[in-house]
């Protein structure tokens, strides 16, 4: 192996190292940008999940309030029906009791 070949291979190896540094830096930067995008995606998903949970809790509170309102309205309606003797169920039971007494 001559001096020229030694210099040629040494230059080739040196050039390979020099060329590989920017390639490594570009690849690393590309991977870092992917990681940054992934982190942003995870943060957005977490925010969305928190909003969904808050919405679910609010909907449950609204539904509970609506249910209480409906129960109170039904109780008032039943009480008015009992007071006014308009509750058909009570009238039927009264007739059955009268038939039993007659029979």
PDB file of N, CA and C in Angstrom:
ATOM      1  N   UNK A   1       0.850  -1.172   0.000  1.00  0.00           N
ATOM      2  CA  UNK A   1       0.000   0.000   0.000  1.00  0.00           C
ATOM      3  C   UNK A   1       0.900   1.242   0.000  1.00  0.00           C
ATOM      4  N   UNK A   2       0.649   2.099  -0.943  1.00  0.00           N
ATOM      5  CA  UNK A   2       1.489   3.272  -1.102  1.00  0.00           C
ATOM      6  C   UNK A   2       0.985   4.465  -0.306  1.00  0.00           C
ATOM      7  N   UNK A   3       1.778   5.496  -0.327  1.00  0.00           N
ATOM      8  CA  UNK A   3       1.447   6.731   0.387  1.00  0.00           C
ATOM      9  C   UNK A   3       0.188   7.353  -0.203  1.00  0.00           C
ATOM     10  N   UNK A   4       0.067   7.305  -1.512  1.00  0.00           N
ATOM     11  CA  UNK A   4      -1.100   7.887  -2.161  1.00  0.00           C
ATOM     12  C   UNK A   4      -2.380   7.178  -1.729  1.00  0.00           C
ATOM     13  N   UNK A   5      -2.350   5.857  -1.670  1.00  0.00           N
ATOM     14  CA  UNK A   5      -3.525   5.102  -1.247  1.00  0.00           C
ATOM     15  C   UNK A   5      -3.858   5.380   0.214  1.00  0.00           C
ATOM     16  N   UNK A   6      -2.827   5.507   1.048  1.00  0.00           N
ATOM     17  CA  UNK A   6      -3.050   5.807   2.465  1.00  0.00           C
ATOM     18  C   UNK A   6      -3.720   7.175   2.624  1.00  0.00           C
ATOM     19  N   UNK A   7      -3.228   8.162   1.903  1.00  0.00           N
ATOM     20  CA  UNK A   7      -3.813   9.506   1.962  1.00  0.00           C
ATOM     21  C   UNK A   7      -5.246   9.478   1.421  1.00  0.00           C
ATOM     22  N   UNK A   8      -5.448   8.726   0.326  1.00  0.00           N
ATOM     23  CA  UNK A   8      -6.777   8.635  -0.272  1.00  0.00           C
ATOM     24  C   UNK A   8      -7.783   8.027   0.711  1.00  0.00           C
ATOM     25  N   UNK A   9      -7.445   6.908   1.330  1.00  0.00           N
ATOM     26  CA  UNK A   9      -8.363   6.253   2.272  1.00  0.00           C
ATOM     27  C   UNK A   9      -8.562   7.092   3.540  1.00  0.00           C
ATOM     28  N   UNK A  10      -7.496   7.740   3.994  1.00  0.00           N
ATOM     29  CA  UNK A  10      -7.605   8.618   5.159  1.00  0.00           C
ATOM     30  C   UNK A  10      -8.530   9.791   4.840  1.00  0.00           C
ATOM     31  N   UNK A  11      -8.387  10.354   3.666  1.00  0.00           N
ATOM     32  CA  UNK A  11      -9.261  11.462   3.241  1.00  0.00           C
ATOM     33  C   UNK A  11     -10.694  10.986   3.102  1.00  0.00           C
ATOM     34  N   UNK A  12     -10.849   9.796   2.563  1.00  0.00           N
ATOM     35  CA  UNK A  12     -12.184   9.238   2.382  1.00  0.00           C
ATOM     36  C   UNK A  12     -12.873   9.029   3.735  1.00  0.00           C
ATOM     37  N   UNK A  13     -12.154   8.476   4.696  1.00  0.00           N
ATOM     38  CA  UNK A  13     -12.716   8.259   6.035  1.00  0.00           C
ATOM     39  C   UNK A  13     -13.033   9.598   6.697  1.00  0.00           C
ATOM     40  N   UNK A  14     -12.115  10.553   6.579  1.00  0.00           N
ATOM     41  CA  UNK A  14     -12.340  11.882   7.164  1.00  0.00           C
ATOM     42  C   UNK A  14     -13.557  12.543   6.528  1.00  0.00           C
ATOM     43  N   UNK A  15     -13.657  12.477   5.220  1.00  0.00           N
ATOM     44  CA  UNK A  15     -14.816  13.053   4.540  1.00  0.00           C
ATOM     45  C   UNK A  15     -16.111  12.346   4.962  1.00  0.00           C
ATOM     46  N   UNK A  16     -16.042  11.046   5.144  1.00  0.00           N
ATOM     47  CA  UNK A  16     -17.218  10.293   5.606  1.00  0.00           C
ATOM     48  C   UNK A  16     -17.689  10.755   6.975  1.00  0.00           C
ATOM     49  N   UNK A  17     -16.729  10.956   7.887  1.00  0.00           N
ATOM     50  CA  UNK A  17     -17.088  11.464   9.220  1.00  0.00           C
ATOM     51  C   UNK A  17     -17.688  12.859   9.132  1.00  0.00           C
ATOM     52  N   UNK A  18     -17.045  13.715   8.330  1.00  0.00           N
ATOM     53  CA  UNK A  18     -17.524  15.092   8.206  1.00  0.00           C
ATOM     54  C   UNK A  18     -18.922  15.124   7.591  1.00  0.00           C
ATOM     55  N   UNK A  19     -19.185  14.278   6.608  1.00  0.00           N
ATOM     56  CA  UNK A  19     -20.494  14.249   5.953  1.00  0.00           C
ATOM     57  C   UNK A  19     -21.551  13.631   6.863  1.00  0.00           C
ATOM     58  N   UNK A  20     -21.125  12.715   7.726  1.00  0.00           N
ATOM     59  CA  UNK A  20     -22.111  12.045   8.571  1.00  0.00           C
ATOM     60  C   UNK A  20     -22.603  12.934   9.718  1.00  0.00           C
ATOM     61  N   UNK A  21     -21.820  13.921  10.133  1.00  0.00           N
ATOM     62  CA  UNK A  21     -22.235  14.806  11.237  1.00  0.00           C
ATOM     63  C   UNK A  21     -23.496  15.589  10.865  1.00  0.00           C
ATOM     64  N   UNK A  22     -23.559  16.267   9.719  1.00  0.00           N
ATOM     65  CA  UNK A  22     -24.805  16.969   9.380  1.00  0.00           C
ATOM     66  C   UNK A  22     -25.983  16.002   9.174  1.00  0.00           C
ATOM     67  N   UNK A  23     -25.698  14.845   8.601  1.00  0.00           N
ATOM     68  CA  UNK A  23     -26.775  13.864   8.422  1.00  0.00           C
ATOM     69  C   UNK A  23     -27.328  13.414   9.771  1.00  0.00           C
ATOM     70  N   UNK A  24     -26.431  13.186  10.721  1.00  0.00           N
ATOM     71  CA  UNK A  24     -26.867  12.803  12.073  1.00  0.00           C
ATOM     72  C   UNK A  24     -27.664  13.928  12.712  1.00  0.00           C
ATOM     73  N   UNK A  25     -27.202  15.164  12.548  1.00  0.00           N
ATOM     74  CA  UNK A  25     -27.898  16.317  13.130  1.00  0.00           C
ATOM     75  C   UNK A  25     -29.288  16.477  12.505  1.00  0.00           C
ATOM     76  N   UNK A  26     -29.395  16.301  11.197  1.00  0.00           N
ATOM     77  CA  UNK A  26     -30.700  16.410  10.541  1.00  0.00           C
ATOM     78  C   UNK A  26     -31.643  15.313  11.027  1.00  0.00           C
ATOM     79  N   UNK A  27     -31.121  14.106  11.140  1.00  0.00           N
ATOM     80  CA  UNK A  27     -31.957  12.996  11.601  1.00  0.00           C
ATOM     81  C   UNK A  27     -32.416  13.229  13.041  1.00  0.00           C
ATOM     82  N   UNK A  28     -31.495  13.697  13.871  1.00  0.00           N
ATOM     83  CA  UNK A  28     -31.837  13.948  15.271  1.00  0.00           C
ATOM     84  C   UNK A  28     -32.875  15.065  15.377  1.00  0.00           C
ATOM     85  N   UNK A  29     -32.715  16.125  14.592  1.00  0.00           N
ATOM     86  CA  UNK A  29     -33.688  17.218  14.592  1.00  0.00           C
ATOM     87  C   UNK A  29     -35.055  16.738  14.125  1.00  0.00           C
ATOM     88  N   UNK A  30     -35.072  15.869  13.122  1.00  0.00           N
ATOM     89  CA  UNK A  30     -36.335  15.322  12.623  1.00  0.00           C
ATOM     90  C   UNK A  30     -37.022  14.503  13.707  1.00  0.00           C
ATOM     91  N   UNK A  31     -36.251  13.677  14.410  1.00  0.00           N
ATOM     92  CA  UNK A  31     -36.822  12.868  15.484  1.00  0.00           C
ATOM     93  C   UNK A  31     -37.323  13.745  16.627  1.00  0.00           C
ATOM     94  N   UNK A  32     -36.585  14.817  16.933  1.00  0.00           N
ATOM     95  CA  UNK A  32     -37.011  15.706  18.004  1.00  0.00           C
ATOM     96  C   UNK A  32     -38.303  16.421  17.632  1.00  0.00           C
ATOM     97  N   UNK A  33     -38.435  16.819  16.372  1.00  0.00           N
ATOM     98  CA  UNK A  33     -39.670  17.490  15.968  1.00  0.00           C
ATOM     99  C   UNK A  33     -40.841  16.510  16.043  1.00  0.00           C
ATOM    100  N   UNK A  34     -40.616  15.249  15.705  1.00  0.00           N
ATOM    101  CA  UNK A  34     -41.668  14.240  15.854  1.00  0.00           C
ATOM    102  C   UNK A  34     -42.057  14.077  17.310  1.00  0.00           C
ATOM    103  N   UNK A  35     -41.062  14.074  18.189  1.00  0.00           N
ATOM    104  CA  UNK A  35     -41.346  13.944  19.617  1.00  0.00           C
ATOM    105  C   UNK A  35     -42.114  15.151  20.129  1.00  0.00           C
ATOM    106  N   UNK A  36     -41.748  16.339  19.666  1.00  0.00           N
ATOM    107  CA  UNK A  36     -42.466  17.553  20.072  1.00  0.00           C
ATOM    108  C   UNK A  36     -43.914  17.501  19.619  1.00  0.00           C
ATOM    109  N   UNK A  37     -44.139  17.048  18.388  1.00  0.00           N
ATOM    110  CA  UNK A  37     -45.512  16.910  17.897  1.00  0.00           C
ATOM    111  C   UNK A  37     -46.287  15.884  18.707  1.00  0.00           C
ATOM    112  N   UNK A  38     -45.646  14.797  19.066  1.00  0.00           N
ATOM    113  CA  UNK A  38     -46.290  13.756  19.870  1.00  0.00           C
ATOM    114  C   UNK A  38     -46.651  14.308  21.251  1.00  0.00           C
ATOM    115  N   UNK A  39     -45.748  15.092  21.839  1.00  0.00           N
ATOM    116  CA  UNK A  39     -46.023  15.693  23.154  1.00  0.00           C
ATOM    117  C   UNK A  39     -47.196  16.658  23.055  1.00  0.00           C
ATOM    118  N   UNK A  40     -47.222  17.484  22.012  1.00  0.00           N
ATOM    119  CA  UNK A  40     -48.341  18.410  21.824  1.00  0.00           C
ATOM    120  C   UNK A  40     -49.653  17.648  21.652  1.00  0.00           C
ATOM    121  N   UNK A  41     -49.593  16.547  20.909  1.00  0.00           N
ATOM    122  CA  UNK A  41     -50.782  15.721  20.689  1.00  0.00           C
ATOM    123  C   UNK A  41     -51.288  15.151  22.009  1.00  0.00           C
ATOM    124  N   UNK A  42     -50.382  14.655  22.839  1.00  0.00           N
ATOM    125  CA  UNK A  42     -50.773  14.101  24.130  1.00  0.00           C
ATOM    126  C   UNK A  42     -51.370  15.171  25.041  1.00  0.00           C
ATOM    127  N   UNK A  43     -50.779  16.372  25.005  1.00  0.00           N
ATOM    128  CA  UNK A  43     -51.304  17.474  25.818  1.00  0.00           C
ATOM    129  C   UNK A  43     -52.716  17.836  25.370  1.00  0.00           C
ATOM    130  N   UNK A  44     -52.930  17.909  24.062  1.00  0.00           N
ATOM    131  CA  UNK A  44     -54.260  18.232  23.538  1.00  0.00           C
ATOM    132  C   UNK A  44     -55.268  17.140  23.884  1.00  0.00           C
ATOM    133  N   UNK A  45     -54.853  15.881  23.815  1.00  0.00           N
ATOM    134  CA  UNK A  45     -55.745  14.787  24.177  1.00  0.00           C
ATOM    135  C   UNK A  45     -56.108  14.851  25.651  1.00  0.00           C
ATOM    136  N   UNK A  46     -55.150  15.215  26.486  1.00  0.00           N
ATOM    137  CA  UNK A  46     -55.416  15.337  27.921  1.00  0.00           C
ATOM    138  C   UNK A  46     -56.407  16.469  28.193  1.00  0.00           C
ATOM    139  N   UNK A  47     -56.222  17.611  27.512  1.00  0.00           N
ATOM    140  CA  UNK A  47     -57.155  18.722  27.666  1.00  0.00           C
ATOM    141  C   UNK A  47     -58.555  18.315  27.214  1.00  0.00           C
ATOM    142  N   UNK A  48     -58.627  17.615  26.089  1.00  0.00           N
ATOM    143  CA  UNK A  48     -59.920  17.165  25.572  1.00  0.00           C
ATOM    144  C   UNK A  48     -60.594  16.210  26.552  1.00  0.00           C
ATOM    145  N   UNK A  49     -59.836  15.303  27.123  1.00  0.00           N
ATOM    146  CA  UNK A  49     -60.391  14.351  28.097  1.00  0.00           C
ATOM    147  C   UNK A  49     -60.899  15.093  29.336  1.00  0.00           C
ATOM    148  N   UNK A  50     -60.174  16.109  29.776  1.00  0.00           N
ATOM    149  CA  UNK A  50     -60.607  16.900  30.931  1.00  0.00           C
ATOM    150  C   UNK A  50     -61.910  17.636  30.613  1.00  0.00           C
ATOM    151  N   UNK A  51     -62.017  18.175  29.417  1.00  0.00           N
ATOM    152  CA  UNK A  51     -63.242  18.860  29.007  1.00  0.00           C
ATOM    153  C   UNK A  51     -64.404  17.874  28.946  1.00  0.00           C
ATOM    154  N   UNK A  52     -64.151  16.676  28.435  1.00  0.00           N
ATOM    155  CA  UNK A  52     -65.197  15.647  28.388  1.00  0.00           C
ATOM    156  C   UNK A  52     -65.668  15.284  29.787  1.00  0.00           C
ATOM    157  N   UNK A  53     -64.736  15.144  30.724  1.00  0.00           N
ATOM    158  CA  UNK A  53     -65.109  14.801  32.098  1.00  0.00           C
ATOM    159  C   UNK A  53     -65.914  15.924  32.738  1.00  0.00           C
ATOM    160  N   UNK A  54     -65.494  17.164  32.533  1.00  0.00           N
ATOM    161  CA  UNK A  54     -66.240  18.302  33.072  1.00  0.00           C
ATOM    162  C   UNK A  54     -67.646  18.361  32.487  1.00  0.00           C
ATOM    163  N   UNK A  55     -67.752  18.131  31.192  1.00  0.00           N
ATOM    164  CA  UNK A  55     -69.052  18.133  30.527  1.00  0.00           C
ATOM    165  C   UNK A  55     -69.945  17.033  31.081  1.00  0.00           C
ATOM    166  N   UNK A  56     -69.382  15.854  31.297  1.00  0.00           N
ATOM    167  CA  UNK A  56     -70.139  14.726  31.843  1.00  0.00           C
ATOM    168  C   UNK A  56     -70.680  15.067  33.238  1.00  0.00           C
ATOM    169  N   UNK A  57     -69.828  15.666  34.069  1.00  0.00           N
ATOM    170  CA  UNK A  57     -70.262  16.036  35.418  1.00  0.00           C
ATOM    171  C   UNK A  57     -71.370  17.081  35.371  1.00  0.00           C
ATOM    172  N   UNK A  58     -71.222  18.066  34.496  1.00  0.00           N
ATOM    173  CA  UNK A  58     -72.255  19.090  34.371  1.00  0.00           C
ATOM    174  C   UNK A  58     -73.570  18.498  33.875  1.00  0.00           C
ATOM    175  N   UNK A  59     -73.495  17.596  32.897  1.00  0.00           N
ATOM    176  CA  UNK A  59     -74.707  16.962  32.392  1.00  0.00           C
ATOM    177  C   UNK A  59     -75.390  16.158  33.494  1.00  0.00           C
ATOM    178  N   UNK A  60     -74.609  15.456  34.304  1.00  0.00           N
ATOM    179  CA  UNK A  60     -75.197  14.676  35.395  1.00  0.00           C
ATOM    180  C   UNK A  60     -75.869  15.586  36.417  1.00  0.00           C
ATOM    181  N   UNK A  61     -75.260  16.724  36.716  1.00  0.00           N
ATOM    182  CA  UNK A  61     -75.871  17.662  37.656  1.00  0.00           C
ATOM    183  C   UNK A  61     -77.173  18.205  37.092  1.00  0.00           C
ATOM    184  N   UNK A  62     -77.173  18.547  35.820  1.00  0.00           N
ATOM    185  CA  UNK A  62     -78.379  19.070  35.178  1.00  0.00           C
ATOM    186  C   UNK A  62     -79.470  18.005  35.180  1.00  0.00           C
ATOM    187  N   UNK A  63     -79.094  16.771  34.857  1.00  0.00           N
ATOM    188  CA  UNK A  63     -80.077  15.684  34.853  1.00  0.00           C
ATOM    189  C   UNK A  63     -80.642  15.446  36.246  1.00  0.00           C
ATOM    190  N   UNK A  64     -79.804  15.509  37.265  1.00  0.00           N
ATOM    191  CA  UNK A  64     -80.278  15.315  38.638  1.00  0.00           C
ATOM    192  C   UNK A  64     -81.253  16.422  39.024  1.00  0.00           C
ATOM    193  N   UNK A  65     -80.941  17.651  38.654  1.00  0.00           N
ATOM    194  CA  UNK A  65     -81.851  18.763  38.950  1.00  0.00           C
ATOM    195  C   UNK A  65     -83.177  18.601  38.206  1.00  0.00           C
ATOM    196  N   UNK A  66     -83.101  18.180  36.956  1.00  0.00           N
ATOM    197  CA  UNK A  66     -84.324  17.956  36.177  1.00  0.00           C
ATOM    198  C   UNK A  66     -85.157  16.847  36.794  1.00  0.00           C
ATOM    199  N   UNK A  67     -84.514  15.782  37.230  1.00  0.00           N
ATOM    200  CA  UNK A  67     -85.223  14.666  37.855  1.00  0.00           C
ATOM    201  C   UNK A  67     -85.916  15.116  39.132  1.00  0.00           C
ATOM    202  N   UNK A  68     -85.235  15.901  39.943  1.00  0.00           N
ATOM    203  CA  UNK A  68     -85.849  16.421  41.168  1.00  0.00           C
ATOM    204  C   UNK A  68     -87.050  17.294  40.840  1.00  0.00           C
ATOM    205  N   UNK A  69     -86.917  18.103  39.805  1.00  0.00           N
ATOM    206  CA  UNK A  69     -88.020  18.973  39.383  1.00  0.00           C
ATOM    207  C   UNK A  69     -89.217  18.135  38.939  1.00  0.00           C
ATOM    208  N   UNK A  70     -88.959  17.094  38.160  1.00  0.00           N
ATOM    209  CA  UNK A  70     -90.042  16.227  37.680  1.00  0.00           C
ATOM    210  C   UNK A  70     -90.710  15.516  38.854  1.00  0.00           C
ATOM    211  N   UNK A  71     -89.907  15.050  39.821  1.00  0.00           N
ATOM    212  CA  UNK A  71     -90.478  14.377  40.995  1.00  0.00           C
ATOM    213  C   UNK A  71     -91.382  15.325  41.777  1.00  0.00           C
ATOM    214  N   UNK A  72     -90.915  16.558  41.980  1.00  0.00           N
ATOM    215  CA  UNK A  72     -91.727  17.533  42.712  1.00  0.00           C
ATOM    216  C   UNK A  72     -93.013  17.849  41.970  1.00  0.00           C
ATOM    217  N   UNK A  73     -92.916  18.013  40.648  1.00  0.00           N
ATOM    218  CA  UNK A  73     -94.113  18.280  39.853  1.00  0.00           C
ATOM    219  C   UNK A  73     -95.102  17.119  39.944  1.00  0.00           C
ATOM    220  N   UNK A  74     -94.590  15.886  39.893  1.00  0.00           N
ATOM    221  CA  UNK A  74     -95.470  14.724  39.983  1.00  0.00           C
ATOM    222  C   UNK A  74     -96.131  14.655  41.363  1.00  0.00           C
ATOM    223  N   UNK A  75     -95.343  14.929  42.405  1.00  0.00           N
ATOM    224  CA  UNK A  75     -95.921  14.911  43.753  1.00  0.00           C
ATOM    225  C   UNK A  75     -97.013  15.966  43.890  1.00  0.00           C
ATOM    226  N   UNK A  76     -96.760  17.152  43.348  1.00  0.00           N
ATOM    227  CA  UNK A  76     -97.781  18.204  43.402  1.00  0.00           C
ATOM    228  C   UNK A  76     -99.026  17.803  42.618  1.00  0.00           C
ATOM    229  N   UNK A  77     -98.834  17.218  41.459  1.00  0.00           N
ATOM    230  CA  UNK A  77     -99.963  16.786  40.626  1.00  0.00           C
ATOM    231  C   UNK A  77    -100.762  15.699  41.334  1.00  0.00           C
ATOM    232  N   UNK A  78    -100.058  14.739  41.942  1.00  0.00           N
ATOM    233  CA  UNK A  78    -100.758  13.672  42.667  1.00  0.00           C
ATOM    234  C   UNK A  78    -101.487  14.217  43.879  1.00  0.00           C
ATOM    235  N   UNK A  79    -100.864  15.164  44.548  1.00  0.00           N
ATOM    236  CA  UNK A  79    -101.517  15.755  45.721  1.00  0.00           C
ATOM    237  C   UNK A  79    -102.768  16.521  45.299  1.00  0.00           C
ATOM    238  N   UNK A  80    -102.692  17.269  44.211  1.00  0.00           N
ATOM    239  CA  UNK A  80    -103.863  17.991  43.712  1.00  0.00           C
ATOM    240  C   UNK A  80    -104.959  17.016  43.304  1.00  0.00           C
ATOM    241  N   UNK A  81    -104.566  15.903  42.668  1.00  0.00           N
ATOM    242  CA  UNK A  81    -105.551  14.907  42.238  1.00  0.00           C
ATOM    243  C   UNK A  81    -106.215  14.267  43.447  1.00  0.00           C
ATOM    244  N   UNK A  82    -105.466  14.004  44.487  1.00  0.00           N
ATOM    245  CA  UNK A  82    -106.061  13.427  45.699  1.00  0.00           C
ATOM    246  C   UNK A  82    -106.998  14.420  46.361  1.00  0.00           C
ATOM    247  N   UNK A  83    -106.585  15.672  46.404  1.00  0.00           N
ATOM    248  CA  UNK A  83    -107.424  16.693  47.017  1.00  0.00           C
ATOM    249  C   UNK A  83    -108.709  16.910  46.248  1.00  0.00           C
ATOM    250  N   UNK A  84    -108.650  16.824  44.933  1.00  0.00           N
ATOM    251  CA  UNK A  84    -109.818  17.077  44.102  1.00  0.00           C
ATOM    252  C   UNK A  84    -110.583  15.796  43.771  1.00  0.00           C
ATOM    253  N   UNK A  85    -110.172  14.678  44.310  1.00  0.00           N
ATOM    254  CA  UNK A  85    -110.808  13.379  44.040  1.00  0.00           C
ATOM    255  C   UNK A  85    -110.837  13.054  42.549  1.00  0.00           C
ATOM    256  N   UNK A  86    -109.792  13.456  41.850  1.00  0.00           N
ATOM    257  CA  UNK A  86    -109.724  13.189  40.415  1.00  0.00           C
ATOM    258  C   UNK A  86    -108.823  12.012  40.094  1.00  0.00           C
ATOM    259  N   UNK A  87    -108.264  11.412  41.081  1.00  0.00           N
ATOM    260  CA  UNK A  87    -107.360  10.303  40.840  1.00  0.00           C
ATOM    261  C   UNK A  87    -108.197   9.053  40.565  1.00  0.00           C
ATOM    262  N   UNK A  88    -108.220   8.616  39.333  1.00  0.00           N
ATOM    263  CA  UNK A  88    -109.055   7.480  38.902  1.00  0.00           C
ATOM    264  C   UNK A  88    -108.705   6.207  39.679  1.00  0.00           C
ATOM    265  N   UNK A  89    -107.496   6.019  39.992  1.00  0.00           N
ATOM    266  CA  UNK A  89    -107.091   4.811  40.691  1.00  0.00           C
ATOM    267  C   UNK A  89    -107.785   4.726  42.043  1.00  0.00           C
ATOM    268  N   UNK A  90    -107.863   5.839  42.738  1.00  0.00           N
ATOM    269  CA  UNK A  90    -108.518   5.835  44.040  1.00  0.00           C
ATOM    270  C   UNK A  90    -110.015   5.578  43.884  1.00  0.00           C
ATOM    271  N   UNK A  91    -110.596   6.108  42.828  1.00  0.00           N
ATOM    272  CA  UNK A  91    -112.031   5.878  42.618  1.00  0.00           C
ATOM    273  C   UNK A  91    -112.298   4.403  42.338  1.00  0.00           C
ATOM    274  N   UNK A  92    -111.460   3.759  41.587  1.00  0.00           N
ATOM    275  CA  UNK A  92    -111.638   2.337  41.288  1.00  0.00           C
ATOM    276  C   UNK A  92    -111.519   1.521  42.573  1.00  0.00           C
ATOM    277  N   UNK A  93    -110.551   1.847  43.400  1.00  0.00           N
ATOM    278  CA  UNK A  93    -110.396   1.118  44.647  1.00  0.00           C
ATOM    279  C   UNK A  93    -111.610   1.325  45.545  1.00  0.00           C
ATOM    280  N   UNK A  94    -112.153   2.523  45.558  1.00  0.00           N
ATOM    281  CA  UNK A  94    -113.341   2.784  46.364  1.00  0.00           C
ATOM    282  C   UNK A  94    -114.518   1.945  45.865  1.00  0.00           C
ATOM    283  N   UNK A  95    -114.677   1.824  44.548  1.00  0.00           N
ATOM    284  CA  UNK A  95    -115.782   1.029  44.009  1.00  0.00           C
ATOM    285  C   UNK A  95    -115.599  -0.444  44.381  1.00  0.00           C
ATOM    286  N   UNK A  96    -114.377  -0.940  44.313  1.00  0.00           N
ATOM    287  CA  UNK A  96    -114.114  -2.337  44.678  1.00  0.00           C
ATOM    288  C   UNK A  96    -114.459  -2.585  46.140  1.00  0.00           C
ATOM    289  N   UNK A  97    -114.143  -1.649  47.002  1.00  0.00           N
ATOM    290  CA  UNK A  97    -114.480  -1.810  48.411  1.00  0.00           C
ATOM    291  C   UNK A  97    -115.982  -1.820  48.614  1.00  0.00           C
ATOM    292  N   UNK A  98    -116.705  -0.968  47.856  1.00  0.00           N
ATOM    293  CA  UNK A  98    -118.174  -0.941  47.964  1.00  0.00           C
ATOM    294  C   UNK A  98    -118.766  -2.246  47.470  1.00  0.00           C
ATOM    295  N   UNK A  99    -118.239  -2.802  46.379  1.00  0.00           N
ATOM    296  CA  UNK A  99    -118.739  -4.070  45.871  1.00  0.00           C
ATOM    297  C   UNK A  99    -118.496  -5.207  46.858  1.00  0.00           C
ATOM    298  N   UNK A 100    -117.351  -5.161  47.549  1.00  0.00           N
ATOM    299  CA  UNK A 100    -117.052  -6.194  48.534  1.00  0.00           C
ATOM    300  C   UNK A 100    -118.038  -6.116  49.699  1.00  0.00           C
ATOM    301  N   UNK A 101    -118.356  -4.909  50.114  1.00  0.00           N
ATOM    302  CA  UNK A 101    -119.298  -4.722  51.227  1.00  0.00           C
ATOM    303  C   UNK A 101    -120.690  -5.208  50.831  1.00  0.00           C
ATOM    304  N   UNK A 102    -121.103  -4.966  49.590  1.00  0.00           N
ATOM    305  CA  UNK A 102    -122.421  -5.400  49.116  1.00  0.00           C
ATOM    306  C   UNK A 102    -122.477  -6.918  48.945  1.00  0.00           C
ATOM    307  N   UNK A 103    -121.431  -7.482  48.493  1.00  0.00           N
ATOM    308  CA  UNK A 103    -121.383  -8.885  48.141  1.00  0.00           C
ATOM    309  C   UNK A 103    -121.243  -9.793  49.261  1.00  0.00           C
TER     310      UNK A 103
END
